């Protein structure tokens, strides 16, 4: 069973086992009450999602986020959703936790429970091609894919894109692990029949808006006493790989780059894409590069810079787009 289908089952389970009283309580929160109470301030918000404490720290350290009130957060299924403004733009943000199942489950709750115009994801990723991206850079991919959905063939099968014997050392040859075929995933939406897909395209209008808003953006080069060796940049138009294992192995990183033209790898972006597309929501992805596959892992300062630069890119994009108002009843 794929992680995406597992996420759907988990979400259904949460709704089924939630006690009736607590369910009713969770459906009454200050965010929804504010939006219903006054037609003049009723509006759609942008959903900002990320996975880690480091990401949330970047948001808080920026000084750009202001909560709507002292009581502007609500807990649902163990996740805390925060309502406020990011440099003047109305958002709901949530830390989802790592890996695709947590991202998909949390994002689905966000889209069901709140009036969300579109989804912005920022987080860390590894570079699979250091000629294209190095730590500190920000990637704005044009498409993402789940590359961790495998059909692991039996030994001796001639099918499969990933042939483990090709990676034997010091010489290639037979390997009992055999071969792996990369699988497409099922995508569901309310307006069309389910279909199998591999690449998930970022919303074109938002991708184009990001390229315009960030074309001359200056990213942060130093954190505390640590500085990047070069000037960090924003890279547009690449492809990205998502799986539930973080790719640090150079041979596998090269394989993804050579066979799928993937320039970055993370554990969340494709979940953001699939869940947003299934709900017919606009979305965009900002990845802060924190390491290069096969090279020494970046220290905490560089990893934080990657998060902070991705956050700055996400914020500039958010502030560049209009947010539609809700129709008053």
Protein backbone atom coordinates (compact mmCIF):
# COMPACT_ATOMS: atom_id res chain seq x y z
CA UNK A 1 0.00 0.00 0.00
CA UNK A 2 1.41 3.43 -0.94
CA UNK A 3 2.04 6.10 1.71
CA UNK A 4 -0.58 8.29 0.06
CA UNK A 5 -3.34 5.67 0.42
CA UNK A 6 -2.17 5.04 3.97
CA UNK A 7 -2.55 8.76 4.71
CA UNK A 8 -6.15 8.68 3.51
CA UNK A 9 -6.92 5.68 5.73
CA UNK A 10 -5.34 7.36 8.74
CA UNK A 11 -7.39 10.49 8.21
CA UNK A 12 -10.60 8.45 7.91
CA UNK A 13 -9.66 6.60 11.08
CA UNK A 14 -9.13 9.84 12.96
CA UNK A 15 -12.59 11.03 12.02
CA UNK A 16 -14.26 7.72 12.90
CA UNK A 17 -12.69 7.26 16.33
CA UNK A 18 -12.90 10.89 17.47
CA UNK A 19 -15.46 11.12 20.31
CA UNK A 20 -18.58 13.04 19.32
CA UNK A 21 -18.12 15.69 22.00
CA UNK A 22 -14.48 16.37 21.14
CA UNK A 23 -15.36 16.44 17.43
CA UNK A 24 -17.99 19.09 18.07
CA UNK A 25 -15.54 21.09 20.14
CA UNK A 26 -12.87 20.89 17.47
CA UNK A 27 -15.28 22.27 14.90
CA UNK A 28 -15.67 25.45 16.94
CA UNK A 29 -12.46 27.42 16.87
CA UNK A 30 -11.59 31.12 16.97
CA UNK A 31 -10.40 31.12 13.35
CA UNK A 32 -13.71 29.94 11.93
CA UNK A 33 -15.71 32.09 14.35
CA UNK A 34 -13.83 35.22 13.28
CA UNK A 35 -14.44 34.47 9.61
CA UNK A 36 -18.17 33.94 10.19
CA UNK A 37 -18.74 36.77 12.65
CA UNK A 38 -18.12 39.77 10.43
CA UNK A 39 -18.71 39.93 6.70
CA UNK A 40 -16.23 42.78 6.36
CA UNK A 41 -13.26 40.64 7.38
CA UNK A 42 -14.34 37.38 5.78
CA UNK A 43 -11.64 36.25 3.36
CA UNK A 44 -9.75 33.24 2.14
CA UNK A 45 -6.39 32.56 3.72
CA UNK A 46 -3.24 31.03 2.35
CA UNK A 47 -2.08 27.74 3.86
CA UNK A 48 1.61 27.65 4.81
CA UNK A 49 2.95 24.18 5.57
CA UNK A 50 6.36 22.86 6.61
CA UNK A 51 7.74 19.80 8.36
CA UNK A 52 10.34 20.66 11.00
CA UNK A 53 11.19 22.68 14.09
CA UNK A 54 13.95 24.35 12.07
CA UNK A 55 11.37 25.59 9.57
CA UNK A 56 9.14 26.99 12.32
CA UNK A 57 12.13 28.62 13.97
CA UNK A 58 12.90 30.44 10.70
CA UNK A 59 9.33 31.77 10.63
CA UNK A 60 9.44 32.91 14.25
CA UNK A 61 12.95 34.42 14.04
CA UNK A 62 11.97 36.55 11.04
CA UNK A 63 9.65 38.74 13.06
CA UNK A 64 7.30 38.82 10.07
CA UNK A 65 4.54 36.64 11.57
CA UNK A 66 1.85 38.11 13.83
CA UNK A 67 -0.90 35.94 15.37
CA UNK A 68 -4.46 37.17 15.00
CA UNK A 69 -4.89 37.16 18.78
CA UNK A 70 -3.58 35.58 21.96
CA UNK A 71 -5.88 32.64 21.25
CA UNK A 72 -5.54 32.20 17.49
CA UNK A 73 -4.45 28.57 17.31
CA UNK A 74 -6.47 25.37 17.36
CA UNK A 75 -5.43 21.73 17.89
CA UNK A 76 -6.88 19.11 15.57
CA UNK A 77 -5.76 15.45 15.59
CA UNK A 78 -2.58 16.37 17.45
CA UNK A 79 -1.57 19.12 15.02
CA UNK A 80 -1.63 22.81 15.96
CA UNK A 81 -2.96 25.24 13.34
CA UNK A 82 -2.04 28.92 13.72
CA UNK A 83 -3.98 31.86 12.30
CA UNK A 84 -2.26 35.19 11.67
CA UNK A 85 -0.56 37.43 9.15
CA UNK A 86 2.80 37.05 7.44
CA UNK A 87 4.09 40.50 6.64
CA UNK A 88 0.48 41.58 6.23
CA UNK A 89 -0.85 38.55 4.31
CA UNK A 90 -3.47 36.37 6.03
CA UNK A 91 -2.34 32.77 6.54
CA UNK A 92 -2.96 29.61 8.50
CA UNK A 93 0.28 27.76 9.17
CA UNK A 94 0.95 24.28 10.52
CA UNK A 95 3.99 22.12 11.21
CA UNK A 96 3.12 18.73 9.74
CA UNK A 97 5.96 16.50 10.92
CA UNK A 98 8.29 14.65 8.59
CA UNK A 99 7.52 12.16 5.80
CA UNK A 100 4.77 11.97 3.23
CA UNK A 101 2.04 10.35 5.33
CA UNK A 102 2.17 13.14 7.94
CA UNK A 103 2.25 15.86 5.31
CA UNK A 104 -0.70 14.40 3.38
CA UNK A 105 -2.82 13.85 6.51
CA UNK A 106 -2.14 17.29 7.99
CA UNK A 107 -2.65 19.13 4.72
CA UNK A 108 -5.97 17.37 4.13
CA UNK A 109 -7.16 18.49 7.57
CA UNK A 110 -6.07 22.05 6.77
CA UNK A 111 -8.00 22.08 3.51
CA UNK A 112 -11.15 20.53 5.00
CA UNK A 113 -11.28 22.66 8.15
CA UNK A 114 -10.21 26.11 6.92
CA UNK A 115 -11.07 28.49 4.09
CA UNK A 116 -7.83 28.10 2.14
CA UNK A 117 -7.17 29.76 -1.24
CA UNK A 118 -3.95 27.86 -1.94
CA UNK A 119 -1.00 26.04 -0.37
CA UNK A 120 2.60 27.17 0.00
CA UNK A 121 5.21 24.67 1.17
CA UNK A 122 8.72 25.53 2.27
CA UNK A 123 11.33 23.17 3.67
CA UNK A 124 14.73 21.58 3.24
CA UNK A 125 15.94 19.36 0.41
CA UNK A 126 19.14 17.70 -0.77
CA UNK A 127 20.81 18.61 -4.04
CA UNK A 128 21.34 15.77 -6.51
CA UNK A 129 23.43 17.94 -8.84
CA UNK A 130 25.90 20.33 -7.27
CA UNK A 131 26.53 21.94 -10.65
CA UNK A 132 22.96 23.18 -10.44
CA UNK A 133 22.39 23.74 -6.71
CA UNK A 134 24.53 23.90 -3.55
CA UNK A 135 23.67 24.42 0.14
CA UNK A 136 21.99 27.74 0.77
CA UNK A 137 20.29 27.89 -2.63
CA UNK A 138 16.51 27.78 -3.02
CA UNK A 139 14.81 25.59 -5.60
CA UNK A 140 11.39 26.41 -7.05
CA UNK A 141 10.60 23.17 -8.92
CA UNK A 142 8.20 22.98 -11.83
CA UNK A 143 7.22 19.35 -11.16
CA UNK A 144 7.62 16.77 -8.38
CA UNK A 145 7.19 12.98 -8.21
CA UNK A 146 6.98 10.15 -5.70
CA UNK A 147 10.09 8.09 -6.43
CA UNK A 148 9.71 5.85 -3.40
CA UNK A 149 6.71 3.88 -4.72
CA UNK A 150 8.37 0.66 -5.86
CA UNK A 151 7.39 -2.68 -7.34
CA UNK A 152 10.31 -4.80 -6.15
CA UNK A 153 10.76 -7.57 -8.69
CA UNK A 154 11.77 -11.11 -7.89
CA UNK A 155 15.37 -12.15 -8.50
CA UNK A 156 16.02 -12.86 -12.16
CA UNK A 157 13.36 -10.50 -13.51
CA UNK A 158 14.48 -8.52 -16.52
CA UNK A 159 12.04 -5.72 -15.72
CA UNK A 160 12.85 -2.76 -13.52
CA UNK A 161 14.53 0.61 -13.96
CA UNK A 162 16.75 0.31 -10.86
CA UNK A 163 19.07 -2.71 -11.23
CA UNK A 164 20.96 -3.33 -8.01
CA UNK A 165 23.61 -5.36 -9.79
CA UNK A 166 24.70 -2.21 -11.62
CA UNK A 167 25.89 -0.86 -8.29
CA UNK A 168 27.96 -3.84 -7.10
CA UNK A 169 31.45 -2.80 -6.02
CA UNK A 170 34.13 -3.09 -7.31
CA UNK A 171 32.47 -4.74 -10.35
CA UNK A 172 28.92 -4.85 -11.64
CA UNK A 173 27.15 -8.20 -11.69
CA UNK A 174 24.25 -10.20 -10.28
CA UNK A 175 22.69 -9.06 -7.01
CA UNK A 176 20.09 -10.93 -4.99
CA UNK A 177 18.18 -7.67 -4.45
CA UNK A 178 17.27 -7.86 -8.14
CA UNK A 179 15.47 -4.91 -9.70
CA UNK A 180 12.91 -2.23 -8.83
CA UNK A 181 10.22 -0.81 -11.09
CA UNK A 182 9.06 2.72 -10.28
CA UNK A 183 5.28 2.90 -9.98
CA UNK A 184 2.80 5.61 -10.86
CA UNK A 185 0.31 6.70 -8.20
CA UNK A 186 -3.46 7.13 -8.27
CA UNK A 187 -4.68 10.71 -8.26
CA UNK A 188 -8.27 11.46 -7.31
CA UNK A 189 -10.14 14.72 -7.77
CA UNK A 190 -13.78 15.84 -7.54
CA UNK A 191 -14.03 16.86 -11.19
CA UNK A 192 -12.54 13.90 -13.09
CA UNK A 193 -12.08 10.14 -12.89
CA UNK A 194 -9.09 8.74 -10.97
CA UNK A 195 -5.94 8.47 -13.06
CA UNK A 196 -2.39 7.19 -12.73
CA UNK A 197 0.31 9.85 -12.73
CA UNK A 198 4.03 10.07 -12.16
CA UNK A 199 5.00 13.75 -12.46
CA UNK A 200 2.87 16.23 -10.54
CA UNK A 201 3.06 19.73 -12.03
CA UNK A 202 3.21 22.81 -9.82
CA UNK A 203 0.26 25.17 -10.45
CA UNK A 204 1.36 27.04 -13.57
CA UNK A 205 -0.01 30.46 -12.59
CA UNK A 206 1.67 30.33 -9.19
CA UNK A 207 4.93 29.01 -10.61
CA UNK A 208 4.96 31.90 -13.09
CA UNK A 209 4.14 34.35 -10.30
CA UNK A 210 7.03 32.97 -8.25
CA UNK A 211 9.51 33.37 -11.10
CA UNK A 212 8.47 37.00 -11.44
CA UNK A 213 8.42 37.81 -7.72
CA UNK A 214 11.76 36.16 -6.94
CA UNK A 215 13.78 36.89 -10.09
CA UNK A 216 16.02 39.47 -8.37
CA UNK A 217 15.75 38.14 -4.82
CA UNK A 218 18.73 38.37 -2.50
CA UNK A 219 19.05 35.44 -0.11
CA UNK A 220 20.76 35.33 3.25
CA UNK A 221 24.44 34.32 3.08
CA UNK A 222 25.45 34.27 6.77
CA UNK A 223 24.02 33.00 10.03
CA UNK A 224 25.73 33.95 13.28
CA UNK A 225 29.47 33.61 12.55
CA UNK A 226 29.02 31.15 9.69
CA UNK A 227 28.80 32.20 6.04
CA UNK A 228 28.23 30.28 2.83
CA UNK A 229 31.25 30.07 0.50
CA UNK A 230 29.29 31.56 -2.40
CA UNK A 231 26.30 33.79 -3.08
CA UNK A 232 23.07 31.79 -2.68
CA UNK A 233 20.59 31.90 -5.56
CA UNK A 234 17.05 30.94 -6.51
CA UNK A 235 16.84 28.18 -9.13
CA UNK A 236 13.66 27.80 -11.20
CA UNK A 237 12.22 25.06 -13.38
CA UNK A 238 13.81 21.87 -12.05
CA UNK A 239 12.22 18.53 -11.16
CA UNK A 240 12.21 17.10 -7.65
CA UNK A 241 12.06 13.62 -6.12
CA UNK A 242 10.08 12.76 -2.98
CA UNK A 243 10.30 9.55 -0.96
CA UNK A 244 10.15 8.52 2.68
CA UNK A 245 13.92 8.05 2.79
CA UNK A 246 16.18 11.09 2.70
CA UNK A 247 18.74 10.63 -0.10
CA UNK A 248 22.34 11.08 1.03
CA UNK A 249 23.85 8.30 -1.11
CA UNK A 250 25.70 9.69 -4.15
CA UNK A 251 25.16 6.65 -6.38
CA UNK A 252 21.40 6.74 -5.85
CA UNK A 253 21.33 10.52 -6.16
CA UNK A 254 23.13 10.23 -9.50
CA UNK A 255 20.64 7.55 -10.57
CA UNK A 256 17.68 9.86 -9.85
CA UNK A 257 19.38 12.71 -11.67
CA UNK A 258 20.34 10.60 -14.70
CA UNK A 259 17.06 8.72 -15.07
CA UNK A 260 14.47 11.26 -13.95
CA UNK A 261 16.35 14.55 -14.30
CA UNK A 262 15.60 15.19 -10.62
CA UNK A 263 17.81 17.93 -9.17
CA UNK A 264 16.59 17.82 -5.57
CA UNK A 265 15.18 15.21 -3.19
CA UNK A 266 13.02 15.58 -0.07
CA UNK A 267 10.32 13.77 1.91
CA UNK A 268 7.31 16.06 1.51
CA UNK A 269 6.92 18.03 -1.74
CA UNK A 270 5.07 15.38 -3.74
CA UNK A 271 2.59 14.92 -0.87
CA UNK A 272 1.88 18.65 -0.98
CA UNK A 273 1.37 18.39 -4.74
CA UNK A 274 -0.87 15.32 -4.72
CA UNK A 275 -3.08 16.53 -1.86
CA UNK A 276 -3.43 20.01 -3.36
CA UNK A 277 -4.26 18.65 -6.82
CA UNK A 278 -6.80 16.21 -5.36
CA UNK A 279 -8.52 19.14 -3.66
CA UNK A 280 -8.14 21.35 -6.75
CA UNK A 281 -6.12 23.93 -4.82
CA UNK A 282 -3.35 26.17 -6.11
CA UNK A 283 0.09 25.28 -4.70
CA UNK A 284 3.80 26.03 -4.98
CA UNK A 285 6.97 24.58 -3.43
CA UNK A 286 10.12 26.30 -2.10
CA UNK A 287 13.04 24.03 -1.16
CA UNK A 288 16.08 25.26 0.75
CA UNK A 289 19.09 23.15 -0.22
CA UNK A 290 20.83 21.95 2.95
CA UNK A 291 23.22 19.28 1.59
CA UNK A 292 24.54 17.55 -1.53
CA UNK A 293 24.00 13.78 -1.86
CA UNK A 294 27.23 11.93 -1.19
CA UNK A 295 29.05 14.82 0.45
CA UNK A 296 29.63 15.57 4.12
CA UNK A 297 26.40 16.62 5.76
CA UNK A 298 26.00 20.33 6.33
CA UNK A 299 26.20 21.54 9.91
CA UNK A 300 23.25 23.04 11.76
CA UNK A 301 24.10 26.59 10.70
CA UNK A 302 23.92 25.77 6.98
CA UNK A 303 20.77 23.72 7.47
CA UNK A 304 19.14 26.66 9.24
CA UNK A 305 20.23 29.04 6.46
CA UNK A 306 18.58 26.71 3.96
CA UNK A 307 15.33 26.82 5.93
CA UNK A 308 15.52 30.58 6.37
CA UNK A 309 16.18 31.26 2.69
CA UNK A 310 13.28 28.99 1.67
CA UNK A 311 11.08 30.84 4.16
CA UNK A 312 12.14 34.23 2.76
CA UNK A 313 11.30 33.06 -0.77
CA UNK A 314 7.90 31.75 0.37
CA UNK A 315 7.14 35.01 2.17
CA UNK A 316 8.04 37.19 -0.81
CA UNK A 317 5.83 35.05 -3.01
CA UNK A 318 2.93 35.19 -0.53
CA UNK A 319 3.16 38.98 -0.33
CA UNK A 320 3.14 39.24 -4.14
CA UNK A 321 -0.22 37.55 -4.79
CA UNK A 322 -3.76 38.76 -4.07
CA UNK A 323 -6.02 36.74 -1.80
CA UNK A 324 -9.69 36.57 -2.88
CA UNK A 325 -12.39 37.50 -0.39
CA UNK A 326 -15.19 35.16 0.58
CA UNK A 327 -18.66 35.97 -0.66
CA UNK A 328 -20.77 37.44 2.15
CA UNK A 329 -23.99 35.69 3.00
